[in-house]
């Protein structure tokens, strides 16, 4: 039935999207802190991240399909490639904007770089990570729909492009509305998480 197909397509798409964004989130948190905190890492990796963030991910889709095949890995990889560099660059900039006095005080008290990263930088960066993730939700959905439309046998993007040849607007329009609603709910969930987990951040942002 139509409801069953929409449910199965939704689960397939969300599985790919959440997997990719989870990878991007963890990798960006680590690399963003390293690049923002260590001048050597910034000099070495900063230019690479900047260039990577300018590469149009959809242009790499044929290469990903050739190298990784038409399975799940290529679709997840496309979303990661499209979102990871932007989140890294944003987090690195946020780390560099932190008050230097905090880092100097921590060093004066004998904290190592590792301790500074974990106890001083990370708690202040996590709410900003959620902001970065929210900004990448739109592009992530775009990359997901594109990958599913080209090579997939399930997913919301696959279904839309499957029925377009029949001009089945009674299917396409509900799917588009559903995708929009899912994106809105994910954004609202991230905002709620930020508000509940980091209540102090609202006052910081207001300043």
C-alpha atoms as a PDB file:
ATOM      1  CA  UNK A   1       0.000   0.000   0.000  1.00  0.00           C
ATOM      2  CA  UNK A   2       0.977   3.651  -0.292  1.00  0.00           C
ATOM      3  CA  UNK A   3       1.393   4.112   3.459  1.00  0.00           C
ATOM      4  CA  UNK A   4       3.667   1.066   3.714  1.00  0.00           C
ATOM      5  CA  UNK A   5       5.815   2.263   0.817  1.00  0.00           C
ATOM      6  CA  UNK A   6       6.155   5.711   2.363  1.00  0.00           C
ATOM      7  CA  UNK A   7       7.119   4.181   5.711  1.00  0.00           C
ATOM      8  CA  UNK A   8       9.739   1.878   4.194  1.00  0.00           C
ATOM      9  CA  UNK A   9      11.122   4.697   2.032  1.00  0.00           C
ATOM     10  CA  UNK A  10      11.262   6.989   5.065  1.00  0.00           C
ATOM     11  CA  UNK A  11      13.156   4.436   7.150  1.00  0.00           C
ATOM     12  CA  UNK A  12      15.624   3.809   4.315  1.00  0.00           C
ATOM     13  CA  UNK A  13      16.281   7.518   3.778  1.00  0.00           C
ATOM     14  CA  UNK A  14      16.541   8.367   7.470  1.00  0.00           C
ATOM     15  CA  UNK A  15      18.938   5.469   8.003  1.00  0.00           C
ATOM     16  CA  UNK A  16      21.294   6.838   5.360  1.00  0.00           C
ATOM     17  CA  UNK A  17      20.927  10.427   6.510  1.00  0.00           C
ATOM     18  CA  UNK A  18      21.450   9.740  10.212  1.00  0.00           C
ATOM     19  CA  UNK A  19      24.437   7.464   9.520  1.00  0.00           C
ATOM     20  CA  UNK A  20      26.122  10.118   7.392  1.00  0.00           C
ATOM     21  CA  UNK A  21      25.421  12.994   9.773  1.00  0.00           C
ATOM     22  CA  UNK A  22      26.665  10.927  12.722  1.00  0.00           C
ATOM     23  CA  UNK A  23      29.963  10.315  10.928  1.00  0.00           C
ATOM     24  CA  UNK A  24      30.249  13.995   9.996  1.00  0.00           C
ATOM     25  CA  UNK A  25      29.439  15.116  13.536  1.00  0.00           C
ATOM     26  CA  UNK A  26      32.050  12.954  15.260  1.00  0.00           C
ATOM     27  CA  UNK A  27      34.764  13.617  12.676  1.00  0.00           C
ATOM     28  CA  UNK A  28      34.058  17.360  12.611  1.00  0.00           C
ATOM     29  CA  UNK A  29      34.150  17.628  16.397  1.00  0.00           C
ATOM     30  CA  UNK A  30      37.585  16.013  16.567  1.00  0.00           C
ATOM     31  CA  UNK A  31      39.125  17.736  13.552  1.00  0.00           C
ATOM     32  CA  UNK A  32      37.500  21.095  14.275  1.00  0.00           C
ATOM     33  CA  UNK A  33      38.975  21.211  17.777  1.00  0.00           C
ATOM     34  CA  UNK A  34      42.390  20.019  16.573  1.00  0.00           C
ATOM     35  CA  UNK A  35      42.562  22.553  13.735  1.00  0.00           C
ATOM     36  CA  UNK A  36      41.223  25.385  15.866  1.00  0.00           C
ATOM     37  CA  UNK A  37      43.427  24.671  18.866  1.00  0.00           C
ATOM     38  CA  UNK A  38      46.757  23.700  17.287  1.00  0.00           C
ATOM     39  CA  UNK A  39      48.418  26.228  14.940  1.00  0.00           C
ATOM     40  CA  UNK A  40      50.417  23.455  13.279  1.00  0.00           C
ATOM     41  CA  UNK A  41      47.299  21.459  12.479  1.00  0.00           C
ATOM     42  CA  UNK A  42      45.617  24.608  11.195  1.00  0.00           C
ATOM     43  CA  UNK A  43      48.522  25.329   8.867  1.00  0.00           C
ATOM     44  CA  UNK A  44      48.574  21.732   7.621  1.00  0.00           C
ATOM     45  CA  UNK A  45      44.890  20.855   7.394  1.00  0.00           C
ATOM     46  CA  UNK A  46      43.177  24.255   7.195  1.00  0.00           C
ATOM     47  CA  UNK A  47      43.815  24.865   3.471  1.00  0.00           C
ATOM     48  CA  UNK A  48      42.755  21.317   2.608  1.00  0.00           C
ATOM     49  CA  UNK A  49      39.474  21.700   4.504  1.00  0.00           C
ATOM     50  CA  UNK A  50      38.800  25.064   2.840  1.00  0.00           C
ATOM     51  CA  UNK A  51      39.335  23.601  -0.624  1.00  0.00           C
ATOM     52  CA  UNK A  52      37.274  20.502   0.186  1.00  0.00           C
ATOM     53  CA  UNK A  53      34.360  22.675   1.301  1.00  0.00           C
ATOM     54  CA  UNK A  54      34.282  24.301  -2.147  1.00  0.00           C
ATOM     55  CA  UNK A  55      34.138  21.071  -4.162  1.00  0.00           C
ATOM     56  CA  UNK A  56      30.596  20.459  -5.496  1.00  0.00           C
ATOM     57  CA  UNK A  57      29.732  17.065  -3.964  1.00  0.00           C
ATOM     58  CA  UNK A  58      27.228  16.131  -6.670  1.00  0.00           C
ATOM     59  CA  UNK A  59      30.037  16.273  -9.224  1.00  0.00           C
ATOM     60  CA  UNK A  60      31.743  13.478  -7.283  1.00  0.00           C
ATOM     61  CA  UNK A  61      28.697  11.215  -7.329  1.00  0.00           C
ATOM     62  CA  UNK A  62      29.697   9.260 -10.487  1.00  0.00           C
ATOM     63  CA  UNK A  63      33.174   8.720  -9.027  1.00  0.00           C
ATOM     64  CA  UNK A  64      31.700   7.445  -5.760  1.00  0.00           C
ATOM     65  CA  UNK A  65      29.454   5.010  -7.624  1.00  0.00           C
ATOM     66  CA  UNK A  66      32.426   3.719  -9.641  1.00  0.00           C
ATOM     67  CA  UNK A  67      34.745   3.372  -6.642  1.00  0.00           C
ATOM     68  CA  UNK A  68      32.281   2.283  -3.959  1.00  0.00           C
ATOM     69  CA  UNK A  69      29.513   0.715  -6.015  1.00  0.00           C
ATOM     70  CA  UNK A  70      25.804   1.480  -6.014  1.00  0.00           C
ATOM     71  CA  UNK A  71      25.166   0.345  -2.449  1.00  0.00           C
ATOM     72  CA  UNK A  72      24.655   2.251   0.772  1.00  0.00           C
ATOM     73  CA  UNK A  73      28.295   3.288   1.227  1.00  0.00           C
ATOM     74  CA  UNK A  74      28.358   5.616  -1.772  1.00  0.00           C
ATOM     75  CA  UNK A  75      25.176   7.398  -0.685  1.00  0.00           C
ATOM     76  CA  UNK A  76      26.417   7.871   2.870  1.00  0.00           C
ATOM     77  CA  UNK A  77      29.823   8.979   1.579  1.00  0.00           C
ATOM     78  CA  UNK A  78      28.240  11.658  -0.619  1.00  0.00           C
ATOM     79  CA  UNK A  79      26.463  13.224   2.358  1.00  0.00           C
ATOM     80  CA  UNK A  80      29.624  13.058   4.476  1.00  0.00           C
ATOM     81  CA  UNK A  81      31.721  14.663   1.736  1.00  0.00           C
ATOM     82  CA  UNK A  82      29.117  17.377   1.304  1.00  0.00           C
ATOM     83  CA  UNK A  83      28.691  18.263   4.978  1.00  0.00           C
ATOM     84  CA  UNK A  84      31.908  17.388   6.814  1.00  0.00           C
ATOM     85  CA  UNK A  85      34.295  20.090   5.488  1.00  0.00           C
ATOM     86  CA  UNK A  86      31.788  22.883   6.187  1.00  0.00           C
ATOM     87  CA  UNK A  87      31.187  21.721   9.758  1.00  0.00           C
ATOM     88  CA  UNK A  88      34.934  21.341  10.392  1.00  0.00           C
ATOM     89  CA  UNK A  89      35.657  24.828   9.093  1.00  0.00           C
ATOM     90  CA  UNK A  90      32.845  26.342  11.157  1.00  0.00           C
ATOM     91  CA  UNK A  91      33.910  24.602  14.374  1.00  0.00           C
ATOM     92  CA  UNK A  92      37.578  25.480  13.883  1.00  0.00           C
ATOM     93  CA  UNK A  93      36.601  29.143  13.563  1.00  0.00           C
ATOM     94  CA  UNK A  94      34.480  28.905  16.713  1.00  0.00           C
ATOM     95  CA  UNK A  95      37.411  27.395  18.630  1.00  0.00           C
ATOM     96  CA  UNK A  96      39.690  30.207  17.488  1.00  0.00           C
ATOM     97  CA  UNK A  97      37.105  32.754  18.674  1.00  0.00           C
ATOM     98  CA  UNK A  98      37.130  31.425  22.248  1.00  0.00           C
ATOM     99  CA  UNK A  99      38.689  33.850  24.779  1.00  0.00           C
ATOM    100  CA  UNK A 100      42.431  33.222  24.835  1.00  0.00           C
ATOM    101  CA  UNK A 101      42.467  34.039  28.555  1.00  0.00           C
ATOM    102  CA  UNK A 102      40.646  30.784  29.276  1.00  0.00           C
ATOM    103  CA  UNK A 103      43.257  28.720  27.455  1.00  0.00           C
ATOM    104  CA  UNK A 104      46.138  30.607  29.063  1.00  0.00           C
ATOM    105  CA  UNK A 105      44.675  30.131  32.547  1.00  0.00           C
ATOM    106  CA  UNK A 106      44.255  26.412  31.915  1.00  0.00           C
ATOM    107  CA  UNK A 107      47.871  26.155  30.745  1.00  0.00           C
ATOM    108  CA  UNK A 108      49.017  28.117  33.794  1.00  0.00           C
ATOM    109  CA  UNK A 109      47.254  25.595  36.027  1.00  0.00           C
ATOM    110  CA  UNK A 110      49.197  22.815  34.333  1.00  0.00           C
ATOM    111  CA  UNK A 111      46.557  21.478  31.946  1.00  0.00           C
ATOM    112  CA  UNK A 112      47.829  19.583  28.933  1.00  0.00           C
ATOM    113  CA  UNK A 113      46.578  20.242  25.405  1.00  0.00           C
ATOM    114  CA  UNK A 114      44.419  17.128  25.666  1.00  0.00           C
ATOM    115  CA  UNK A 115      42.859  18.344  28.929  1.00  0.00           C
ATOM    116  CA  UNK A 116      42.258  21.812  27.509  1.00  0.00           C
ATOM    117  CA  UNK A 117      40.516  20.298  24.490  1.00  0.00           C
ATOM    118  CA  UNK A 118      38.269  18.089  26.621  1.00  0.00           C
ATOM    119  CA  UNK A 119      37.517  20.336  29.589  1.00  0.00           C
ATOM    120  CA  UNK A 120      37.739  23.880  28.250  1.00  0.00           C
ATOM    121  CA  UNK A 121      37.078  23.799  24.522  1.00  0.00           C
ATOM    122  CA  UNK A 122      34.650  20.926  23.990  1.00  0.00           C
ATOM    123  CA  UNK A 123      31.945  22.035  26.464  1.00  0.00           C
ATOM    124  CA  UNK A 124      31.781  25.423  24.734  1.00  0.00           C
ATOM    125  CA  UNK A 125      31.893  23.986  21.224  1.00  0.00           C
ATOM    126  CA  UNK A 126      29.162  21.343  21.543  1.00  0.00           C
ATOM    127  CA  UNK A 127      26.216  23.790  21.322  1.00  0.00           C
ATOM    128  CA  UNK A 128      27.894  25.449  18.354  1.00  0.00           C
ATOM    129  CA  UNK A 129      28.258  22.020  16.765  1.00  0.00           C
ATOM    130  CA  UNK A 130      24.470  21.696  16.901  1.00  0.00           C
ATOM    131  CA  UNK A 131      24.161  25.058  15.125  1.00  0.00           C
ATOM    132  CA  UNK A 132      26.519  23.855  12.393  1.00  0.00           C
ATOM    133  CA  UNK A 133      24.630  20.595  12.067  1.00  0.00           C
ATOM    134  CA  UNK A 134      21.339  22.448  11.673  1.00  0.00           C
ATOM    135  CA  UNK A 135      22.825  24.532   8.863  1.00  0.00           C
ATOM    136  CA  UNK A 136      23.878  21.370   7.034  1.00  0.00           C
ATOM    137  CA  UNK A 137      20.496  19.635   7.224  1.00  0.00           C
ATOM    138  CA  UNK A 138      19.299  21.240   3.982  1.00  0.00           C
ATOM    139  CA  UNK A 139      22.355  20.271   1.918  1.00  0.00           C
ATOM    140  CA  UNK A 140      22.338  16.792   3.477  1.00  0.00           C
ATOM    141  CA  UNK A 141      18.773  16.189   2.305  1.00  0.00           C
ATOM    142  CA  UNK A 142      19.686  17.487  -1.153  1.00  0.00           C
ATOM    143  CA  UNK A 143      22.610  15.075  -1.477  1.00  0.00           C
ATOM    144  CA  UNK A 144      20.500  12.200  -0.165  1.00  0.00           C
ATOM    145  CA  UNK A 145      17.654  12.775  -2.634  1.00  0.00           C
ATOM    146  CA  UNK A 146      20.110  13.124  -5.525  1.00  0.00           C
ATOM    147  CA  UNK A 147      21.922   9.885  -4.672  1.00  0.00           C
ATOM    148  CA  UNK A 148      18.683   7.955  -4.212  1.00  0.00           C
ATOM    149  CA  UNK A 149      17.275   9.306  -7.467  1.00  0.00           C
ATOM    150  CA  UNK A 150      20.252   8.135  -9.503  1.00  0.00           C
ATOM    151  CA  UNK A 151      20.984   4.714  -8.025  1.00  0.00           C
ATOM    152  CA  UNK A 152      18.734   3.173  -5.412  1.00  0.00           C
ATOM    153  CA  UNK A 153      15.858   0.764  -5.002  1.00  0.00           C
ATOM    154  CA  UNK A 154      14.404   2.416  -1.905  1.00  0.00           C
ATOM    155  CA  UNK A 155      14.135   5.807  -0.269  1.00  0.00           C
ATOM    156  CA  UNK A 156      12.114   8.979  -0.633  1.00  0.00           C
ATOM    157  CA  UNK A 157      14.224  10.323  -3.491  1.00  0.00           C
ATOM    158  CA  UNK A 158      14.041   7.007  -5.326  1.00  0.00           C
ATOM    159  CA  UNK A 159      10.234   6.952  -5.108  1.00  0.00           C
ATOM    160  CA  UNK A 160       9.827  10.526  -6.359  1.00  0.00           C
ATOM    161  CA  UNK A 161      11.994   9.951  -9.409  1.00  0.00           C
ATOM    162  CA  UNK A 162      10.430   6.540 -10.057  1.00  0.00           C
ATOM    163  CA  UNK A 163       6.910   7.929 -10.403  1.00  0.00           C
ATOM    164  CA  UNK A 164       7.847  11.171 -12.152  1.00  0.00           C
ATOM    165  CA  UNK A 165       7.797   9.394 -15.522  1.00  0.00           C
ATOM    166  CA  UNK A 166       4.096   8.735 -14.936  1.00  0.00           C
ATOM    167  CA  UNK A 167       3.488  12.344 -13.857  1.00  0.00           C
ATOM    168  CA  UNK A 168       2.018  10.973 -10.632  1.00  0.00           C
ATOM    169  CA  UNK A 169       1.566  14.254  -8.811  1.00  0.00           C
ATOM    170  CA  UNK A 170      -0.671  12.538  -6.253  1.00  0.00           C
ATOM    171  CA  UNK A 171       2.458  10.717  -5.050  1.00  0.00           C
ATOM    172  CA  UNK A 172       5.144  13.325  -5.704  1.00  0.00           C
ATOM    173  CA  UNK A 173       3.498  16.201  -3.822  1.00  0.00           C
ATOM    174  CA  UNK A 174       2.813  14.228  -0.603  1.00  0.00           C
ATOM    175  CA  UNK A 175       6.401  12.949  -0.670  1.00  0.00           C
ATOM    176  CA  UNK A 176       7.792  16.469  -1.073  1.00  0.00           C
ATOM    177  CA  UNK A 177       5.614  17.716   1.787  1.00  0.00           C
ATOM    178  CA  UNK A 178       6.703  14.748   3.921  1.00  0.00           C
ATOM    179  CA  UNK A 179      10.398  15.415   3.257  1.00  0.00           C
ATOM    180  CA  UNK A 180       9.900  19.066   4.214  1.00  0.00           C
ATOM    181  CA  UNK A 181       8.132  18.035   7.419  1.00  0.00           C
ATOM    182  CA  UNK A 182      10.892  15.566   8.310  1.00  0.00           C
ATOM    183  CA  UNK A 183      13.552  18.240   7.790  1.00  0.00           C
ATOM    184  CA  UNK A 184      11.574  20.656   9.972  1.00  0.00           C
ATOM    185  CA  UNK A 185      11.164  18.054  12.728  1.00  0.00           C
ATOM    186  CA  UNK A 186      14.880  17.238  12.677  1.00  0.00           C
ATOM    187  CA  UNK A 187      15.736  20.927  12.962  1.00  0.00           C
ATOM    188  CA  UNK A 188      13.239  21.369  15.801  1.00  0.00           C
ATOM    189  CA  UNK A 189      14.681  18.327  17.566  1.00  0.00           C
ATOM    190  CA  UNK A 190      18.196  19.748  17.370  1.00  0.00           C
ATOM    191  CA  UNK A 191      16.999  23.109  18.703  1.00  0.00           C
ATOM    192  CA  UNK A 192      15.265  21.368  21.593  1.00  0.00           C
ATOM    193  CA  UNK A 193      18.387  19.314  22.325  1.00  0.00           C
ATOM    194  CA  UNK A 194      20.513  22.451  22.352  1.00  0.00           C
ATOM    195  CA  UNK A 195      18.103  24.258  24.657  1.00  0.00           C
ATOM    196  CA  UNK A 196      17.816  21.371  27.125  1.00  0.00           C
ATOM    197  CA  UNK A 197      21.450  20.223  27.115  1.00  0.00           C
ATOM    198  CA  UNK A 198      23.047  23.688  27.050  1.00  0.00           C
ATOM    199  CA  UNK A 199      20.633  26.151  28.704  1.00  0.00           C
ATOM    200  CA  UNK A 200      23.484  28.610  29.291  1.00  0.00           C
ATOM    201  CA  UNK A 201      24.128  29.001  25.564  1.00  0.00           C
ATOM    202  CA  UNK A 202      21.088  31.223  24.982  1.00  0.00           C
ATOM    203  CA  UNK A 203      22.603  33.978  27.129  1.00  0.00           C
ATOM    204  CA  UNK A 204      25.974  33.600  25.395  1.00  0.00           C
ATOM    205  CA  UNK A 205      24.334  33.923  21.996  1.00  0.00           C
ATOM    206  CA  UNK A 206      22.386  36.993  23.147  1.00  0.00           C
ATOM    207  CA  UNK A 207      25.648  38.717  24.010  1.00  0.00           C
END
